[in-house]
Amino acid sequence: VRAPHQENVLQRVLQLPVVSSTCQTLQRKYSSTKESHPLMASVCQVYERGVQGAGALAMWGMEPVVRRLEPQFAVANNLACRGLDHLEEKIPALQYPVDK
């Protein structure tokens, strides 16, 4: 039996075989493209640093709001986990990697 209040719906979705295998395939393609094309690699590195900086700044700015809305996030997460339970029951293909 799962403890919904301790689960994170995003982590659960990322752990679904269909999602994790898709992410792994995309990561391999991205890495392969960067290795094959030096110009693309330099552009990607600049973009990656920018995204990391923007993400850190956004998290710093959102922290007070997130803290205040934590109870609402917990309720939304719980509902989303229950919805995911339902989807996993109704769509068994979510438990298989993309190539299957």
PDB file of N, CA and C in Angstrom:
ATOM      1  N   VAL A   1       0.851  -1.185   0.000  1.00  0.00           N
ATOM      2  CA  VAL A   1       0.000   0.000   0.000  1.00  0.00           C
ATOM      3  C   VAL A   1       0.890   1.240   0.000  1.00  0.00           C
ATOM      4  N   ARG A   2       0.574   2.175  -0.876  1.00  0.00           N
ATOM      5  CA  ARG A   2       1.341   3.410  -0.980  1.00  0.00           C
ATOM      6  C   ARG A   2       0.894   4.408   0.073  1.00  0.00           C
ATOM      7  N   ALA A   3       1.814   5.280   0.435  1.00  0.00           N
ATOM      8  CA  ALA A   3       1.497   6.379   1.338  1.00  0.00           C
ATOM      9  C   ALA A   3       1.476   7.660   0.512  1.00  0.00           C
ATOM     10  N   PRO A   4       0.299   8.057  -0.024  1.00  0.00           N
ATOM     11  CA  PRO A   4       0.231   9.171  -0.962  1.00  0.00           C
ATOM     12  C   PRO A   4       0.822  10.474  -0.438  1.00  0.00           C
ATOM     13  N   HIS A   5       0.708  10.752   0.856  1.00  0.00           N
ATOM     14  CA  HIS A   5       1.215  12.007   1.382  1.00  0.00           C
ATOM     15  C   HIS A   5       2.738  12.096   1.325  1.00  0.00           C
ATOM     16  N   GLN A   6       3.425  10.979   1.139  1.00  0.00           N
ATOM     17  CA  GLN A   6       4.873  10.979   1.080  1.00  0.00           C
ATOM     18  C   GLN A   6       5.381  10.898  -0.362  1.00  0.00           C
ATOM     19  N   GLU A   7       4.497  10.652  -1.298  1.00  0.00           N
ATOM     20  CA  GLU A   7       4.894  10.502  -2.695  1.00  0.00           C
ATOM     21  C   GLU A   7       4.970  11.858  -3.382  1.00  0.00           C
ATOM     22  N   ASN A   8       5.748  11.870  -4.426  1.00  0.00           N
ATOM     23  CA  ASN A   8       5.830  13.042  -5.277  1.00  0.00           C
ATOM     24  C   ASN A   8       5.397  12.584  -6.660  1.00  0.00           C
ATOM     25  N   VAL A   9       4.343  13.183  -7.177  1.00  0.00           N
ATOM     26  CA  VAL A   9       3.782  12.725  -8.439  1.00  0.00           C
ATOM     27  C   VAL A   9       4.785  12.875  -9.585  1.00  0.00           C
ATOM     28  N   LEU A  10       5.589  13.916  -9.560  1.00  0.00           N
ATOM     29  CA  LEU A  10       6.579  14.094 -10.620  1.00  0.00           C
ATOM     30  C   LEU A  10       7.612  12.973 -10.597  1.00  0.00           C
ATOM     31  N   GLN A  11       8.075  12.611  -9.413  1.00  0.00           N
ATOM     32  CA  GLN A  11       9.025  11.497  -9.303  1.00  0.00           C
ATOM     33  C   GLN A  11       8.400  10.200  -9.788  1.00  0.00           C
ATOM     34  N   ARG A  12       7.144   9.987  -9.436  1.00  0.00           N
ATOM     35  CA  ARG A  12       6.466   8.766  -9.891  1.00  0.00           C
ATOM     36  C   ARG A  12       6.345   8.719 -11.398  1.00  0.00           C
ATOM     37  N   VAL A  13       5.985   9.838 -12.012  1.00  0.00           N
ATOM     38  CA  VAL A  13       5.847   9.885 -13.474  1.00  0.00           C
ATOM     39  C   VAL A  13       7.202   9.619 -14.120  1.00  0.00           C
ATOM     40  N   LEU A  14       8.260  10.224 -13.596  1.00  0.00           N
ATOM     41  CA  LEU A  14       9.592  10.030 -14.168  1.00  0.00           C
ATOM     42  C   LEU A  14      10.085   8.598 -14.007  1.00  0.00           C
ATOM     43  N   GLN A  15       9.551   7.874 -13.035  1.00  0.00           N
ATOM     44  CA  GLN A  15       9.960   6.493 -12.814  1.00  0.00           C
ATOM     45  C   GLN A  15       9.164   5.496 -13.656  1.00  0.00           C
ATOM     46  N   LEU A  16       8.091   5.954 -14.294  1.00  0.00           N
ATOM     47  CA  LEU A  16       7.346   5.047 -15.171  1.00  0.00           C
ATOM     48  C   LEU A  16       8.273   4.592 -16.292  1.00  0.00           C
ATOM     49  N   PRO A  17       8.314   3.302 -16.576  1.00  0.00           N
ATOM     50  CA  PRO A  17       9.218   2.808 -17.628  1.00  0.00           C
ATOM     51  C   PRO A  17       9.060   3.523 -18.964  1.00  0.00           C
ATOM     52  N   VAL A  18       7.829   3.820 -19.370  1.00  0.00           N
ATOM     53  CA  VAL A  18       7.627   4.481 -20.657  1.00  0.00           C
ATOM     54  C   VAL A  18       8.240   5.882 -20.645  1.00  0.00           C
ATOM     55  N   VAL A  19       8.165   6.573 -19.529  1.00  0.00           N
ATOM     56  CA  VAL A  19       8.721   7.926 -19.431  1.00  0.00           C
ATOM     57  C   VAL A  19      10.235   7.871 -19.273  1.00  0.00           C
ATOM     58  N   SER A  20      10.715   7.016 -18.380  1.00  0.00           N
ATOM     59  CA  SER A  20      12.160   6.963 -18.148  1.00  0.00           C
ATOM     60  C   SER A  20      12.908   6.494 -19.394  1.00  0.00           C
ATOM     61  N   SER A  21      12.360   5.532 -20.134  1.00  0.00           N
ATOM     62  CA  SER A  21      13.045   5.082 -21.353  1.00  0.00           C
ATOM     63  C   SER A  21      13.035   6.172 -22.421  1.00  0.00           C
ATOM     64  N   THR A  22      11.946   6.949 -22.501  1.00  0.00           N
ATOM     65  CA  THR A  22      11.897   8.070 -23.440  1.00  0.00           C
ATOM     66  C   THR A  22      12.937   9.119 -23.068  1.00  0.00           C
ATOM     67  N   CYS A  23      13.039   9.435 -21.784  1.00  0.00           N
ATOM     68  CA  CYS A  23      14.035  10.415 -21.335  1.00  0.00           C
ATOM     69  C   CYS A  23      15.458   9.932 -21.622  1.00  0.00           C
ATOM     70  N   GLN A  24      15.714   8.658 -21.397  1.00  0.00           N
ATOM     71  CA  GLN A  24      17.042   8.109 -21.670  1.00  0.00           C
ATOM     72  C   GLN A  24      17.366   8.188 -23.163  1.00  0.00           C
ATOM     73  N   THR A  25      16.402   7.885 -24.001  1.00  0.00           N
ATOM     74  CA  THR A  25      16.609   7.960 -25.450  1.00  0.00           C
ATOM     75  C   THR A  25      16.895   9.397 -25.874  1.00  0.00           C
ATOM     76  N   LEU A  26      16.128  10.336 -25.351  1.00  0.00           N
ATOM     77  CA  LEU A  26      16.352  11.743 -25.681  1.00  0.00           C
ATOM     78  C   LEU A  26      17.722  12.215 -25.199  1.00  0.00           C
ATOM     79  N   GLN A  27      18.118  11.787 -24.003  1.00  0.00           N
ATOM     80  CA  GLN A  27      19.428  12.173 -23.465  1.00  0.00           C
ATOM     81  C   GLN A  27      20.556  11.628 -24.349  1.00  0.00           C
ATOM     82  N   ARG A  28      20.424  10.380 -24.777  1.00  0.00           N
ATOM     83  CA  ARG A  28      21.439   9.789 -25.664  1.00  0.00           C
ATOM     84  C   ARG A  28      21.515  10.552 -26.987  1.00  0.00           C
ATOM     85  N   LYS A  29      20.367  10.884 -27.557  1.00  0.00           N
ATOM     86  CA  LYS A  29      20.341  11.631 -28.825  1.00  0.00           C
ATOM     87  C   LYS A  29      20.977  13.008 -28.651  1.00  0.00           C
ATOM     88  N   TYR A  30      20.645  13.662 -27.552  1.00  0.00           N
ATOM     89  CA  TYR A  30      21.191  14.991 -27.272  1.00  0.00           C
ATOM     90  C   TYR A  30      22.707  14.924 -27.130  1.00  0.00           C
ATOM     91  N   SER A  31      23.187  13.956 -26.352  1.00  0.00           N
ATOM     92  CA  SER A  31      24.635  13.792 -26.162  1.00  0.00           C
ATOM     93  C   SER A  31      25.328  13.447 -27.470  1.00  0.00           C
ATOM     94  N   SER A  32      24.734  12.578 -28.235  1.00  0.00           N
ATOM     95  CA  SER A  32      25.296  12.176 -29.526  1.00  0.00           C
ATOM     96  C   SER A  32      25.388  13.365 -30.483  1.00  0.00           C
ATOM     97  N   THR A  33      24.349  14.181 -30.500  1.00  0.00           N
ATOM     98  CA  THR A  33      24.344  15.359 -31.360  1.00  0.00           C
ATOM     99  C   THR A  33      25.441  16.339 -30.939  1.00  0.00           C
ATOM    100  N   LYS A  34      25.578  16.545 -29.626  1.00  0.00           N
ATOM    101  CA  LYS A  34      26.619  17.444 -29.135  1.00  0.00           C
ATOM    102  C   LYS A  34      28.010  16.923 -29.494  1.00  0.00           C
ATOM    103  N   GLU A  35      28.223  15.614 -29.409  1.00  0.00           N
ATOM    104  CA  GLU A  35      29.523  15.030 -29.736  1.00  0.00           C
ATOM    105  C   GLU A  35      29.814  15.120 -31.236  1.00  0.00           C
ATOM    106  N   SER A  36      28.801  15.003 -32.051  1.00  0.00           N
ATOM    107  CA  SER A  36      28.977  14.995 -33.507  1.00  0.00           C
ATOM    108  C   SER A  36      29.156  16.386 -34.103  1.00  0.00           C
ATOM    109  N   HIS A  37      28.639  17.394 -33.441  1.00  0.00           N
ATOM    110  CA  HIS A  37      28.637  18.744 -33.992  1.00  0.00           C
ATOM    111  C   HIS A  37      29.219  19.724 -32.974  1.00  0.00           C
ATOM    112  N   PRO A  38      30.497  20.061 -33.084  1.00  0.00           N
ATOM    113  CA  PRO A  38      31.149  20.950 -32.115  1.00  0.00           C
ATOM    114  C   PRO A  38      30.459  22.308 -31.961  1.00  0.00           C
ATOM    115  N   LEU A  39      29.982  22.886 -33.057  1.00  0.00           N
ATOM    116  CA  LEU A  39      29.300  24.174 -32.955  1.00  0.00           C
ATOM    117  C   LEU A  39      28.016  24.042 -32.138  1.00  0.00           C
ATOM    118  N   MET A  40      27.283  22.961 -32.397  1.00  0.00           N
ATOM    119  CA  MET A  40      26.056  22.705 -31.642  1.00  0.00           C
ATOM    120  C   MET A  40      26.381  22.499 -30.160  1.00  0.00           C
ATOM    121  N   ALA A  41      27.492  21.828 -29.881  1.00  0.00           N
ATOM    122  CA  ALA A  41      27.896  21.588 -28.491  1.00  0.00           C
ATOM    123  C   ALA A  41      28.149  22.899 -27.766  1.00  0.00           C
ATOM    124  N   SER A  42      28.818  23.843 -28.406  1.00  0.00           N
ATOM    125  CA  SER A  42      29.097  25.119 -27.730  1.00  0.00           C
ATOM    126  C   SER A  42      27.811  25.912 -27.505  1.00  0.00           C
ATOM    127  N   VAL A  43      26.907  25.892 -28.469  1.00  0.00           N
ATOM    128  CA  VAL A  43      25.621  26.569 -28.300  1.00  0.00           C
ATOM    129  C   VAL A  43      24.830  25.923 -27.163  1.00  0.00           C
ATOM    130  N   CYS A  44      24.831  24.602 -27.121  1.00  0.00           N
ATOM    131  CA  CYS A  44      24.107  23.875 -26.070  1.00  0.00           C
ATOM    132  C   CYS A  44      24.679  24.178 -24.689  1.00  0.00           C
ATOM    133  N   GLN A  45      25.994  24.275 -24.583  1.00  0.00           N
ATOM    134  CA  GLN A  45      26.612  24.564 -23.286  1.00  0.00           C
ATOM    135  C   GLN A  45      26.199  25.944 -22.778  1.00  0.00           C
ATOM    136  N   VAL A  46      26.174  26.927 -23.668  1.00  0.00           N
ATOM    137  CA  VAL A  46      25.737  28.270 -23.279  1.00  0.00           C
ATOM    138  C   VAL A  46      24.279  28.229 -22.824  1.00  0.00           C
ATOM    139  N   TYR A  47      23.462  27.538 -23.586  1.00  0.00           N
ATOM    140  CA  TYR A  47      22.044  27.421 -23.251  1.00  0.00           C
ATOM    141  C   TYR A  47      21.865  26.709 -21.903  1.00  0.00           C
ATOM    142  N   GLU A  48      22.597  25.620 -21.685  1.00  0.00           N
ATOM    143  CA  GLU A  48      22.488  24.861 -20.437  1.00  0.00           C
ATOM    144  C   GLU A  48      22.861  25.727 -19.236  1.00  0.00           C
ATOM    145  N   ARG A  49      23.941  26.511 -19.362  1.00  0.00           N
ATOM    146  CA  ARG A  49      24.332  27.390 -18.253  1.00  0.00           C
ATOM    147  C   ARG A  49      23.259  28.437 -17.997  1.00  0.00           C
ATOM    148  N   GLY A  50      22.682  28.976 -19.048  1.00  0.00           N
ATOM    149  CA  GLY A  50      21.620  29.962 -18.894  1.00  0.00           C
ATOM    150  C   GLY A  50      20.397  29.382 -18.208  1.00  0.00           C
ATOM    151  N   VAL A  51      20.024  28.179 -18.590  1.00  0.00           N
ATOM    152  CA  VAL A  51      18.869  27.523 -17.972  1.00  0.00           C
ATOM    153  C   VAL A  51      19.140  27.240 -16.490  1.00  0.00           C
ATOM    154  N   GLN A  52      20.338  26.786 -16.177  1.00  0.00           N
ATOM    155  CA  GLN A  52      20.683  26.528 -14.777  1.00  0.00           C
ATOM    156  C   GLN A  52      20.611  27.806 -13.949  1.00  0.00           C
ATOM    157  N   GLY A  53      21.169  28.892 -14.478  1.00  0.00           N
ATOM    158  CA  GLY A  53      21.138  30.168 -13.757  1.00  0.00           C
ATOM    159  C   GLY A  53      19.724  30.682 -13.580  1.00  0.00           C
ATOM    160  N   ALA A  54      18.934  30.612 -14.637  1.00  0.00           N
ATOM    161  CA  ALA A  54      17.548  31.075 -14.567  1.00  0.00           C
ATOM    162  C   ALA A  54      16.737  30.212 -13.606  1.00  0.00           C
ATOM    163  N   GLY A  55      16.995  28.910 -13.629  1.00  0.00           N
ATOM    164  CA  GLY A  55      16.285  28.008 -12.708  1.00  0.00           C
ATOM    165  C   GLY A  55      16.609  28.311 -11.255  1.00  0.00           C
ATOM    166  N   ALA A  56      17.877  28.550 -10.972  1.00  0.00           N
ATOM    167  CA  ALA A  56      18.285  28.864  -9.598  1.00  0.00           C
ATOM    168  C   ALA A  56      17.657  30.187  -9.154  1.00  0.00           C
ATOM    169  N   LEU A  57      17.657  31.175 -10.040  1.00  0.00           N
ATOM    170  CA  LEU A  57      17.063  32.468  -9.713  1.00  0.00           C
ATOM    171  C   LEU A  57      15.560  32.340  -9.494  1.00  0.00           C
ATOM    172  N   ALA A  58      14.906  31.571 -10.337  1.00  0.00           N
ATOM    173  CA  ALA A  58      13.458  31.372 -10.187  1.00  0.00           C
ATOM    174  C   ALA A  58      13.135  30.671  -8.872  1.00  0.00           C
ATOM    175  N   MET A  59      13.920  29.654  -8.524  1.00  0.00           N
ATOM    176  CA  MET A  59      13.679  28.940  -7.262  1.00  0.00           C
ATOM    177  C   MET A  59      13.877  29.872  -6.072  1.00  0.00           C
ATOM    178  N   TRP A  60      14.894  30.704  -6.116  1.00  0.00           N
ATOM    179  CA  TRP A  60      15.145  31.647  -5.027  1.00  0.00           C
ATOM    180  C   TRP A  60      13.973  32.619  -4.893  1.00  0.00           C
ATOM    181  N   GLY A  61      13.476  33.114  -6.025  1.00  0.00           N
ATOM    182  CA  GLY A  61      12.375  34.061  -6.003  1.00  0.00           C
ATOM    183  C   GLY A  61      11.049  33.444  -5.600  1.00  0.00           C
ATOM    184  N   MET A  62      10.860  32.172  -5.914  1.00  0.00           N
ATOM    185  CA  MET A  62       9.591  31.503  -5.639  1.00  0.00           C
ATOM    186  C   MET A  62       9.521  30.872  -4.255  1.00  0.00           C
ATOM    187  N   GLU A  63      10.642  30.761  -3.579  1.00  0.00           N
ATOM    188  CA  GLU A  63      10.668  30.052  -2.299  1.00  0.00           C
ATOM    189  C   GLU A  63       9.622  30.546  -1.298  1.00  0.00           C
ATOM    190  N   PRO A  64       9.467  31.865  -1.078  1.00  0.00           N
ATOM    191  CA  PRO A  64       8.438  32.308  -0.120  1.00  0.00           C
ATOM    192  C   PRO A  64       7.027  31.896  -0.539  1.00  0.00           C
ATOM    193  N   VAL A  65       6.745  31.975  -1.826  1.00  0.00           N
ATOM    194  CA  VAL A  65       5.417  31.608  -2.330  1.00  0.00           C
ATOM    195  C   VAL A  65       5.188  30.112  -2.157  1.00  0.00           C
ATOM    196  N   VAL A  66       6.200  29.322  -2.494  1.00  0.00           N
ATOM    197  CA  VAL A  66       6.092  27.869  -2.363  1.00  0.00           C
ATOM    198  C   VAL A  66       5.850  27.490  -0.907  1.00  0.00           C
ATOM    199  N   ARG A  67       6.575  28.126  -0.004  1.00  0.00           N
ATOM    200  CA  ARG A  67       6.393  27.822   1.423  1.00  0.00           C
ATOM    201  C   ARG A  67       4.962  28.125   1.861  1.00  0.00           C
ATOM    202  N   ARG A  68       4.423  29.252   1.402  1.00  0.00           N
ATOM    203  CA  ARG A  68       3.076  29.635   1.786  1.00  0.00           C
ATOM    204  C   ARG A  68       2.018  28.712   1.184  1.00  0.00           C
ATOM    205  N   LEU A  69       2.272  28.213  -0.014  1.00  0.00           N
ATOM    206  CA  LEU A  69       1.291  27.371  -0.701  1.00  0.00           C
ATOM    207  C   LEU A  69       1.520  25.878  -0.488  1.00  0.00           C
ATOM    208  N   GLU A  70       2.440  25.533   0.391  1.00  0.00           N
ATOM    209  CA  GLU A  70       2.775  24.122   0.603  1.00  0.00           C
ATOM    210  C   GLU A  70       1.562  23.243   0.913  1.00  0.00           C
ATOM    211  N   PRO A  71       0.639  23.662   1.770  1.00  0.00           N
ATOM    212  CA  PRO A  71      -0.534  22.795   2.022  1.00  0.00           C
ATOM    213  C   PRO A  71      -1.355  22.535   0.748  1.00  0.00           C
ATOM    214  N   GLN A  72      -1.513  23.556  -0.085  1.00  0.00           N
ATOM    215  CA  GLN A  72      -2.262  23.374  -1.327  1.00  0.00           C
ATOM    216  C   GLN A  72      -1.505  22.455  -2.283  1.00  0.00           C
ATOM    217  N   PHE A  73      -0.175  22.583  -2.328  1.00  0.00           N
ATOM    218  CA  PHE A  73       0.624  21.691  -3.164  1.00  0.00           C
ATOM    219  C   PHE A  73       0.495  20.246  -2.706  1.00  0.00           C
ATOM    220  N   ALA A  74       0.441  20.050  -1.390  1.00  0.00           N
ATOM    221  CA  ALA A  74       0.310  18.693  -0.854  1.00  0.00           C
ATOM    222  C   ALA A  74      -1.025  18.075  -1.276  1.00  0.00           C
ATOM    223  N   VAL A  75      -2.081  18.852  -1.236  1.00  0.00           N
ATOM    224  CA  VAL A  75      -3.400  18.358  -1.655  1.00  0.00           C
ATOM    225  C   VAL A  75      -3.382  18.045  -3.149  1.00  0.00           C
ATOM    226  N   ALA A  76      -2.825  18.960  -3.955  1.00  0.00           N
ATOM    227  CA  ALA A  76      -2.761  18.737  -5.402  1.00  0.00           C
ATOM    228  C   ALA A  76      -1.910  17.512  -5.722  1.00  0.00           C
ATOM    229  N   ASN A  77      -0.801  17.340  -5.016  1.00  0.00           N
ATOM    230  CA  ASN A  77       0.064  16.189  -5.227  1.00  0.00           C
ATOM    231  C   ASN A  77      -0.678  14.897  -4.898  1.00  0.00           C
ATOM    232  N   ASN A  78      -1.419  14.900  -3.802  1.00  0.00           N
ATOM    233  CA  ASN A  78      -2.182  13.724  -3.401  1.00  0.00           C
ATOM    234  C   ASN A  78      -3.220  13.357  -4.466  1.00  0.00           C
ATOM    235  N   LEU A  79      -3.929  14.360  -4.961  1.00  0.00           N
ATOM    236  CA  LEU A  79      -4.922  14.106  -6.018  1.00  0.00           C
ATOM    237  C   LEU A  79      -4.248  13.594  -7.289  1.00  0.00           C
ATOM    238  N   ALA A  80      -3.119  14.182  -7.636  1.00  0.00           N
ATOM    239  CA  ALA A  80      -2.405  13.749  -8.837  1.00  0.00           C
ATOM    240  C   ALA A  80      -1.899  12.315  -8.681  1.00  0.00           C
ATOM    241  N   CYS A  81      -1.441  11.947  -7.490  1.00  0.00           N
ATOM    242  CA  CYS A  81      -0.986  10.568  -7.252  1.00  0.00           C
ATOM    243  C   CYS A  81      -2.137   9.584  -7.398  1.00  0.00           C
ATOM    244  N   ARG A  82      -3.308   9.961  -6.881  1.00  0.00           N
ATOM    245  CA  ARG A  82      -4.467   9.083  -7.040  1.00  0.00           C
ATOM    246  C   ARG A  82      -4.860   8.959  -8.504  1.00  0.00           C
ATOM    247  N   GLY A  83      -4.784  10.066  -9.245  1.00  0.00           N
ATOM    248  CA  GLY A  83      -5.062  10.017 -10.674  1.00  0.00           C
ATOM    249  C   GLY A  83      -4.066   9.133 -11.411  1.00  0.00           C
ATOM    250  N   LEU A  84      -2.801   9.211 -11.004  1.00  0.00           N
ATOM    251  CA  LEU A  84      -1.775   8.376 -11.616  1.00  0.00           C
ATOM    252  C   LEU A  84      -2.012   6.906 -11.292  1.00  0.00           C
ATOM    253  N   ASP A  85      -2.445   6.607 -10.068  1.00  0.00           N
ATOM    254  CA  ASP A  85      -2.809   5.223  -9.714  1.00  0.00           C
ATOM    255  C   ASP A  85      -3.865   4.704 -10.684  1.00  0.00           C
ATOM    256  N   HIS A  86      -4.870   5.530 -10.943  1.00  0.00           N
ATOM    257  CA  HIS A  86      -5.958   5.151 -11.846  1.00  0.00           C
ATOM    258  C   HIS A  86      -5.424   4.926 -13.267  1.00  0.00           C
ATOM    259  N   LEU A  87      -4.581   5.840 -13.748  1.00  0.00           N
ATOM    260  CA  LEU A  87      -4.004   5.679 -15.086  1.00  0.00           C
ATOM    261  C   LEU A  87      -3.174   4.411 -15.196  1.00  0.00           C
ATOM    262  N   GLU A  88      -2.381   4.122 -14.171  1.00  0.00           N
ATOM    263  CA  GLU A  88      -1.544   2.921 -14.193  1.00  0.00           C
ATOM    264  C   GLU A  88      -2.392   1.658 -14.244  1.00  0.00           C
ATOM    265  N   GLU A  89      -3.559   1.680 -13.598  1.00  0.00           N
ATOM    266  CA  GLU A  89      -4.463   0.529 -13.642  1.00  0.00           C
ATOM    267  C   GLU A  89      -5.086   0.383 -15.029  1.00  0.00           C
ATOM    268  N   LYS A  90      -5.474   1.497 -15.619  1.00  0.00           N
ATOM    269  CA  LYS A  90      -6.208   1.474 -16.889  1.00  0.00           C
ATOM    270  C   LYS A  90      -5.302   1.349 -18.110  1.00  0.00           C
ATOM    271  N   ILE A  91      -4.043   1.770 -17.987  1.00  0.00           N
ATOM    272  CA  ILE A  91      -3.134   1.757 -19.142  1.00  0.00           C
ATOM    273  C   ILE A  91      -1.863   0.986 -18.784  1.00  0.00           C
ATOM    274  N   PRO A  92      -1.893  -0.330 -18.899  1.00  0.00           N
ATOM    275  CA  PRO A  92      -0.728  -1.154 -18.544  1.00  0.00           C
ATOM    276  C   PRO A  92       0.518  -0.823 -19.361  1.00  0.00           C
ATOM    277  N   ALA A  93       0.351  -0.239 -20.530  1.00  0.00           N
ATOM    278  CA  ALA A  93       1.512   0.085 -21.378  1.00  0.00           C
ATOM    279  C   ALA A  93       2.449   1.090 -20.702  1.00  0.00           C
ATOM    280  N   LEU A  94       1.969   1.823 -19.713  1.00  0.00           N
ATOM    281  CA  LEU A  94       2.831   2.763 -18.989  1.00  0.00           C
ATOM    282  C   LEU A  94       3.953   2.046 -18.256  1.00  0.00           C
ATOM    283  N   GLN A  95       3.786   0.754 -18.017  1.00  0.00           N
ATOM    284  CA  GLN A  95       4.785  -0.018 -17.266  1.00  0.00           C
ATOM    285  C   GLN A  95       5.850  -0.635 -18.172  1.00  0.00           C
ATOM    286  N   TYR A  96       5.796  -0.335 -19.470  1.00  0.00           N
ATOM    287  CA  TYR A  96       6.760  -0.903 -20.411  1.00  0.00           C
ATOM    288  C   TYR A  96       7.595   0.198 -21.048  1.00  0.00           C
ATOM    289  N   PRO A  97       8.859  -0.101 -21.352  1.00  0.00           N
ATOM    290  CA  PRO A  97       9.677   0.870 -22.069  1.00  0.00           C
ATOM    291  C   PRO A  97       9.103   1.163 -23.451  1.00  0.00           C
ATOM    292  N   VAL A  98       9.485   2.261 -24.039  1.00  0.00           N
ATOM    293  CA  VAL A  98       8.940   2.677 -25.322  1.00  0.00           C
ATOM    294  C   VAL A  98       9.126   1.606 -26.393  1.00  0.00           C
ATOM    295  N   ASP A  99      10.270   0.949 -26.406  1.00  0.00           N
ATOM    296  CA  ASP A  99      10.524  -0.038 -27.473  1.00  0.00           C
ATOM    297  C   ASP A  99       9.671  -1.291 -27.363  1.00  0.00           C
ATOM    298  N   LYS A 100       8.976  -1.493 -26.268  1.00  0.00           N
ATOM    299  CA  LYS A 100       8.103  -2.659 -26.117  1.00  0.00           C
ATOM    300  C   LYS A 100       6.692  -2.260 -26.473  1.00  0.00           C
TER     301      LYS A 100
END
